[in-house]
Amino acid sequence: MKNSEIQALSLEELKERLAAESTNMQNMRFAHAISPLENPMKIRESKKTIARLNTEISRRELQANS
């Protein structure tokens, strides 16, 4: 998910995506612990997406408070 796509989402959608992406990453980590994933780089991509979502959420909350 690109930054431009993330910025286009509303705050509610960002929080929903964050929850979904967190669940997805937990499932991938669990599956990777049991048997190696075909593409383990997906875990890294998921972590980066979660970080981008958290950054955008905190940026918007700071703007709302200022």
PDB file of N, CA and C in Angstrom:
ATOM      1  N   MET A   1       0.843  -1.162   0.000  1.00  0.00           N
ATOM      2  CA  MET A   1       0.000   0.000   0.000  1.00  0.00           C
ATOM      3  C   MET A   1       0.898   1.238   0.000  1.00  0.00           C
ATOM      4  N   LYS A   2       0.657   2.110  -0.942  1.00  0.00           N
ATOM      5  CA  LYS A   2       1.486   3.302  -1.102  1.00  0.00           C
ATOM      6  C   LYS A   2       0.999   4.419  -0.192  1.00  0.00           C
ATOM      7  N   ASN A   3       1.889   5.372   0.067  1.00  0.00           N
ATOM      8  CA  ASN A   3       1.536   6.502   0.925  1.00  0.00           C
ATOM      9  C   ASN A   3       0.381   7.301   0.355  1.00  0.00           C
ATOM     10  N   SER A   4       0.334   7.458  -0.958  1.00  0.00           N
ATOM     11  CA  SER A   4      -0.763   8.214  -1.567  1.00  0.00           C
ATOM     12  C   SER A   4      -2.103   7.513  -1.333  1.00  0.00           C
ATOM     13  N   GLU A   5      -2.105   6.191  -1.351  1.00  0.00           N
ATOM     14  CA  GLU A   5      -3.330   5.437  -1.076  1.00  0.00           C
ATOM     15  C   GLU A   5      -3.732   5.586   0.380  1.00  0.00           C
ATOM     16  N   ILE A   6      -2.746   5.585   1.264  1.00  0.00           N
ATOM     17  CA  ILE A   6      -3.015   5.713   2.694  1.00  0.00           C
ATOM     18  C   ILE A   6      -3.578   7.092   3.003  1.00  0.00           C
ATOM     19  N   GLN A   7      -3.032   8.139   2.393  1.00  0.00           N
ATOM     20  CA  GLN A   7      -3.486   9.502   2.653  1.00  0.00           C
ATOM     21  C   GLN A   7      -4.898   9.743   2.136  1.00  0.00           C
ATOM     22  N   ALA A   8      -5.323   8.955   1.167  1.00  0.00           N
ATOM     23  CA  ALA A   8      -6.659   9.119   0.600  1.00  0.00           C
ATOM     24  C   ALA A   8      -7.746   8.514   1.495  1.00  0.00           C
ATOM     25  N   LEU A   9      -7.367   7.688   2.461  1.00  0.00           N
ATOM     26  CA  LEU A   9      -8.339   7.023   3.325  1.00  0.00           C
ATOM     27  C   LEU A   9      -8.771   7.940   4.464  1.00  0.00           C
ATOM     28  N   SER A  10      -9.970   7.681   4.972  1.00  0.00           N
ATOM     29  CA  SER A  10     -10.438   8.430   6.143  1.00  0.00           C
ATOM     30  C   SER A  10      -9.821   7.809   7.397  1.00  0.00           C
ATOM     31  N   LEU A  11      -9.981   8.491   8.516  1.00  0.00           N
ATOM     32  CA  LEU A  11      -9.404   8.016   9.771  1.00  0.00           C
ATOM     33  C   LEU A  11     -10.002   6.670  10.176  1.00  0.00           C
ATOM     34  N   GLU A  12     -11.298   6.513   9.969  1.00  0.00           N
ATOM     35  CA  GLU A  12     -11.967   5.248  10.307  1.00  0.00           C
ATOM     36  C   GLU A  12     -11.418   4.109   9.444  1.00  0.00           C
ATOM     37  N   GLU A  13     -11.254   4.379   8.154  1.00  0.00           N
ATOM     38  CA  GLU A  13     -10.713   3.356   7.243  1.00  0.00           C
ATOM     39  C   GLU A  13      -9.279   3.014   7.603  1.00  0.00           C
ATOM     40  N   LEU A  14      -8.505   4.005   8.027  1.00  0.00           N
ATOM     41  CA  LEU A  14      -7.126   3.750   8.439  1.00  0.00           C
ATOM     42  C   LEU A  14      -7.084   2.798   9.624  1.00  0.00           C
ATOM     43  N   LYS A  15      -7.957   3.033  10.595  1.00  0.00           N
ATOM     44  CA  LYS A  15      -7.986   2.179  11.784  1.00  0.00           C
ATOM     45  C   LYS A  15      -8.435   0.763  11.437  1.00  0.00           C
ATOM     46  N   GLU A  16      -9.386   0.643  10.515  1.00  0.00           N
ATOM     47  CA  GLU A  16      -9.831  -0.683  10.070  1.00  0.00           C
ATOM     48  C   GLU A  16      -8.713  -1.418   9.340  1.00  0.00           C
ATOM     49  N   ARG A  17      -8.017  -0.715   8.452  1.00  0.00           N
ATOM     50  CA  ARG A  17      -6.898  -1.321   7.723  1.00  0.00           C
ATOM     51  C   ARG A  17      -5.783  -1.738   8.675  1.00  0.00           C
ATOM     52  N   LEU A  18      -5.531  -0.911   9.688  1.00  0.00           N
ATOM     53  CA  LEU A  18      -4.494  -1.213  10.670  1.00  0.00           C
ATOM     54  C   LEU A  18      -4.827  -2.507  11.411  1.00  0.00           C
ATOM     55  N   ALA A  19      -6.061  -2.650  11.835  1.00  0.00           N
ATOM     56  CA  ALA A  19      -6.477  -3.867  12.534  1.00  0.00           C
ATOM     57  C   ALA A  19      -6.363  -5.083  11.617  1.00  0.00           C
ATOM     58  N   ALA A  20      -6.799  -4.936  10.373  1.00  0.00           N
ATOM     59  CA  ALA A  20      -6.739  -6.049   9.426  1.00  0.00           C
ATOM     60  C   ALA A  20      -5.294  -6.431   9.113  1.00  0.00           C
ATOM     61  N   GLU A  21      -4.451  -5.438   8.931  1.00  0.00           N
ATOM     62  CA  GLU A  21      -3.049  -5.700   8.597  1.00  0.00           C
ATOM     63  C   GLU A  21      -2.315  -6.332   9.782  1.00  0.00           C
ATOM     64  N   SER A  22      -2.640  -5.903  10.995  1.00  0.00           N
ATOM     65  CA  SER A  22      -2.023  -6.493  12.188  1.00  0.00           C
ATOM     66  C   SER A  22      -2.396  -7.962  12.320  1.00  0.00           C
ATOM     67  N   THR A  23      -3.664  -8.267  12.101  1.00  0.00           N
ATOM     68  CA  THR A  23      -4.122  -9.659  12.152  1.00  0.00           C
ATOM     69  C   THR A  23      -3.442 -10.484  11.072  1.00  0.00           C
ATOM     70  N   ASN A  24      -3.337  -9.916   9.886  1.00  0.00           N
ATOM     71  CA  ASN A  24      -2.697 -10.600   8.770  1.00  0.00           C
ATOM     72  C   ASN A  24      -1.234 -10.906   9.087  1.00  0.00           C
ATOM     73  N   MET A  25      -0.525  -9.942   9.689  1.00  0.00           N
ATOM     74  CA  MET A  25       0.881 -10.149  10.004  1.00  0.00           C
ATOM     75  C   MET A  25       1.040 -11.217  11.083  1.00  0.00           C
ATOM     76  N   GLN A  26       0.170 -11.228  12.077  1.00  0.00           N
ATOM     77  CA  GLN A  26       0.235 -12.253  13.114  1.00  0.00           C
ATOM     78  C   GLN A  26       0.023 -13.633  12.513  1.00  0.00           C
ATOM     79  N   ASN A  27      -0.934 -13.741  11.606  1.00  0.00           N
ATOM     80  CA  ASN A  27      -1.185 -15.022  10.947  1.00  0.00           C
ATOM     81  C   ASN A  27       0.007 -15.469  10.110  1.00  0.00           C
ATOM     82  N   MET A  28       0.634 -14.526   9.408  1.00  0.00           N
ATOM     83  CA  MET A  28       1.812 -14.873   8.602  1.00  0.00           C
ATOM     84  C   MET A  28       2.968 -15.316   9.489  1.00  0.00           C
ATOM     85  N   ARG A  29       3.188 -14.629  10.611  1.00  0.00           N
ATOM     86  CA  ARG A  29       4.268 -15.019  11.524  1.00  0.00           C
ATOM     87  C   ARG A  29       4.027 -16.408  12.089  1.00  0.00           C
ATOM     88  N   PHE A  30       2.774 -16.687  12.451  1.00  0.00           N
ATOM     89  CA  PHE A  30       2.433 -18.000  12.980  1.00  0.00           C
ATOM     90  C   PHE A  30       2.655 -19.078  11.927  1.00  0.00           C
ATOM     91  N   ALA A  31       2.199 -18.824  10.710  1.00  0.00           N
ATOM     92  CA  ALA A  31       2.373 -19.790   9.623  1.00  0.00           C
ATOM     93  C   ALA A  31       3.853 -19.978   9.305  1.00  0.00           C
ATOM     94  N   HIS A  32       4.637 -18.917   9.395  1.00  0.00           N
ATOM     95  CA  HIS A  32       6.064 -18.997   9.101  1.00  0.00           C
ATOM     96  C   HIS A  32       6.800 -19.790  10.183  1.00  0.00           C
ATOM     97  N   ALA A  33       6.320 -19.725  11.421  1.00  0.00           N
ATOM     98  CA  ALA A  33       6.941 -20.472  12.507  1.00  0.00           C
ATOM     99  C   ALA A  33       6.696 -21.970  12.345  1.00  0.00           C
ATOM    100  N   ILE A  34       5.533 -22.313  11.816  1.00  0.00           N
ATOM    101  CA  ILE A  34       5.200 -23.729  11.635  1.00  0.00           C
ATOM    102  C   ILE A  34       5.916 -24.305  10.424  1.00  0.00           C
ATOM    103  N   SER A  35       5.759 -23.651   9.307  1.00  0.00           N
ATOM    104  CA  SER A  35       6.464 -24.069   8.093  1.00  0.00           C
ATOM    105  C   SER A  35       6.805 -22.799   7.316  1.00  0.00           C
ATOM    106  N   PRO A  36       7.985 -22.740   6.726  1.00  0.00           N
ATOM    107  CA  PRO A  36       8.417 -21.504   6.062  1.00  0.00           C
ATOM    108  C   PRO A  36       7.434 -21.042   4.983  1.00  0.00           C
ATOM    109  N   LEU A  37       7.231 -19.738   4.952  1.00  0.00           N
ATOM    110  CA  LEU A  37       6.378 -19.146   3.922  1.00  0.00           C
ATOM    111  C   LEU A  37       7.093 -19.207   2.575  1.00  0.00           C
ATOM    112  N   GLU A  38       6.299 -19.186   1.525  1.00  0.00           N
ATOM    113  CA  GLU A  38       6.877 -19.180   0.185  1.00  0.00           C
ATOM    114  C   GLU A  38       7.639 -17.884  -0.055  1.00  0.00           C
ATOM    115  N   ASN A  39       7.087 -16.776   0.434  1.00  0.00           N
ATOM    116  CA  ASN A  39       7.741 -15.479   0.287  1.00  0.00           C
ATOM    117  C   ASN A  39       7.779 -14.786   1.657  1.00  0.00           C
ATOM    118  N   PRO A  40       8.837 -14.999   2.447  1.00  0.00           N
ATOM    119  CA  PRO A  40       8.894 -14.400   3.783  1.00  0.00           C
ATOM    120  C   PRO A  40       9.030 -12.881   3.770  1.00  0.00           C
ATOM    121  N   MET A  41       9.324 -12.289   2.620  1.00  0.00           N
ATOM    122  CA  MET A  41       9.408 -10.827   2.531  1.00  0.00           C
ATOM    123  C   MET A  41       8.037 -10.173   2.728  1.00  0.00           C
ATOM    124  N   LYS A  42       6.971 -10.942   2.618  1.00  0.00           N
ATOM    125  CA  LYS A  42       5.624 -10.420   2.852  1.00  0.00           C
ATOM    126  C   LYS A  42       5.483  -9.935   4.295  1.00  0.00           C
ATOM    127  N   ILE A  43       6.189 -10.598   5.229  1.00  0.00           N
ATOM    128  CA  ILE A  43       6.144 -10.176   6.626  1.00  0.00           C
ATOM    129  C   ILE A  43       6.742  -8.781   6.757  1.00  0.00           C
ATOM    130  N   ARG A  44       7.862  -8.547   6.096  1.00  0.00           N
ATOM    131  CA  ARG A  44       8.508  -7.238   6.140  1.00  0.00           C
ATOM    132  C   ARG A  44       7.612  -6.170   5.520  1.00  0.00           C
ATOM    133  N   GLU A  45       6.992  -6.482   4.391  1.00  0.00           N
ATOM    134  CA  GLU A  45       6.086  -5.533   3.744  1.00  0.00           C
ATOM    135  C   GLU A  45       4.916  -5.200   4.661  1.00  0.00           C
ATOM    136  N   SER A  46       4.407  -6.206   5.359  1.00  0.00           N
ATOM    137  CA  SER A  46       3.294  -6.001   6.272  1.00  0.00           C
ATOM    138  C   SER A  46       3.697  -5.091   7.431  1.00  0.00           C
ATOM    139  N   LYS A  47       4.905  -5.287   7.970  1.00  0.00           N
ATOM    140  CA  LYS A  47       5.398  -4.429   9.049  1.00  0.00           C
ATOM    141  C   LYS A  47       5.506  -2.985   8.592  1.00  0.00           C
ATOM    142  N   LYS A  48       5.991  -2.782   7.380  1.00  0.00           N
ATOM    143  CA  LYS A  48       6.140  -1.429   6.854  1.00  0.00           C
ATOM    144  C   LYS A  48       4.777  -0.772   6.624  1.00  0.00           C
ATOM    145  N   THR A  49       3.823  -1.547   6.159  1.00  0.00           N
ATOM    146  CA  THR A  49       2.475  -1.016   5.951  1.00  0.00           C
ATOM    147  C   THR A  49       1.857  -0.604   7.282  1.00  0.00           C
ATOM    148  N   ILE A  50       2.051  -1.431   8.307  1.00  0.00           N
ATOM    149  CA  ILE A  50       1.534  -1.103   9.636  1.00  0.00           C
ATOM    150  C   ILE A  50       2.168   0.189  10.142  1.00  0.00           C
ATOM    151  N   ALA A  51       3.466   0.341   9.930  1.00  0.00           N
ATOM    152  CA  ALA A  51       4.155   1.557  10.357  1.00  0.00           C
ATOM    153  C   ALA A  51       3.623   2.775   9.607  1.00  0.00           C
ATOM    154  N   ARG A  52       3.379   2.642   8.310  1.00  0.00           N
ATOM    155  CA  ARG A  52       2.838   3.749   7.525  1.00  0.00           C
ATOM    156  C   ARG A  52       1.449   4.147   8.022  1.00  0.00           C
ATOM    157  N   LEU A  53       0.622   3.134   8.319  1.00  0.00           N
ATOM    158  CA  LEU A  53      -0.721   3.407   8.814  1.00  0.00           C
ATOM    159  C   LEU A  53      -0.663   4.116  10.169  1.00  0.00           C
ATOM    160  N   ASN A  54       0.179   3.621  11.068  1.00  0.00           N
ATOM    161  CA  ASN A  54       0.323   4.251  12.385  1.00  0.00           C
ATOM    162  C   ASN A  54       0.814   5.685  12.261  1.00  0.00           C
ATOM    163  N   THR A  55       1.749   5.926  11.355  1.00  0.00           N
ATOM    164  CA  THR A  55       2.279   7.267  11.149  1.00  0.00           C
ATOM    165  C   THR A  55       1.191   8.213  10.662  1.00  0.00           C
ATOM    166  N   GLU A  56       0.400   7.774   9.719  1.00  0.00           N
ATOM    167  CA  GLU A  56      -0.669   8.620   9.178  1.00  0.00           C
ATOM    168  C   GLU A  56      -1.739   8.883  10.237  1.00  0.00           C
ATOM    169  N   ILE A  57      -2.074   7.880  11.032  1.00  0.00           N
ATOM    170  CA  ILE A  57      -3.064   8.065  12.095  1.00  0.00           C
ATOM    171  C   ILE A  57      -2.565   9.085  13.106  1.00  0.00           C
ATOM    172  N   SER A  58      -1.326   8.953  13.536  1.00  0.00           N
ATOM    173  CA  SER A  58      -0.787   9.891  14.530  1.00  0.00           C
ATOM    174  C   SER A  58      -0.655  11.293  13.938  1.00  0.00           C
ATOM    175  N   ARG A  59      -0.302  11.403  12.656  1.00  0.00           N
ATOM    176  CA  ARG A  59      -0.200  12.709  12.014  1.00  0.00           C
ATOM    177  C   ARG A  59      -1.555  13.408  12.001  1.00  0.00           C
ATOM    178  N   ARG A  60      -2.592  12.663  11.670  1.00  0.00           N
ATOM    179  CA  ARG A  60      -3.934  13.255  11.625  1.00  0.00           C
ATOM    180  C   ARG A  60      -4.429  13.635  13.014  1.00  0.00           C
ATOM    181  N   GLU A  61      -4.107  12.819  14.011  1.00  0.00           N
ATOM    182  CA  GLU A  61      -4.533  13.145  15.374  1.00  0.00           C
ATOM    183  C   GLU A  61      -3.815  14.384  15.876  1.00  0.00           C
ATOM    184  N   LEU A  62      -2.544  14.549  15.515  1.00  0.00           N
ATOM    185  CA  LEU A  62      -1.803  15.747  15.907  1.00  0.00           C
ATOM    186  C   LEU A  62      -2.371  16.985  15.220  1.00  0.00           C
ATOM    187  N   GLN A  63      -2.759  16.854  13.963  1.00  0.00           N
ATOM    188  CA  GLN A  63      -3.360  17.978  13.249  1.00  0.00           C
ATOM    189  C   GLN A  63      -4.700  18.367  13.868  1.00  0.00           C
ATOM    190  N   ALA A  64      -5.452  17.369  14.296  1.00  0.00           N
ATOM    191  CA  ALA A  64      -6.757  17.642  14.891  1.00  0.00           C
ATOM    192  C   ALA A  64      -6.617  18.348  16.236  1.00  0.00           C
ATOM    193  N   ASN A  65      -5.549  18.042  16.974  1.00  0.00           N
ATOM    194  CA  ASN A  65      -5.346  18.650  18.278  1.00  0.00           C
ATOM    195  C   ASN A  65      -4.734  20.042  18.202  1.00  0.00           C
ATOM    196  N   SER A  66      -4.126  20.388  17.071  1.00  0.00           N
ATOM    197  CA  SER A  66      -3.489  21.701  16.965  1.00  0.00           C
ATOM    198  C   SER A  66      -4.452  22.781  16.556  1.00  0.00           C
TER     199      SER A  66
END
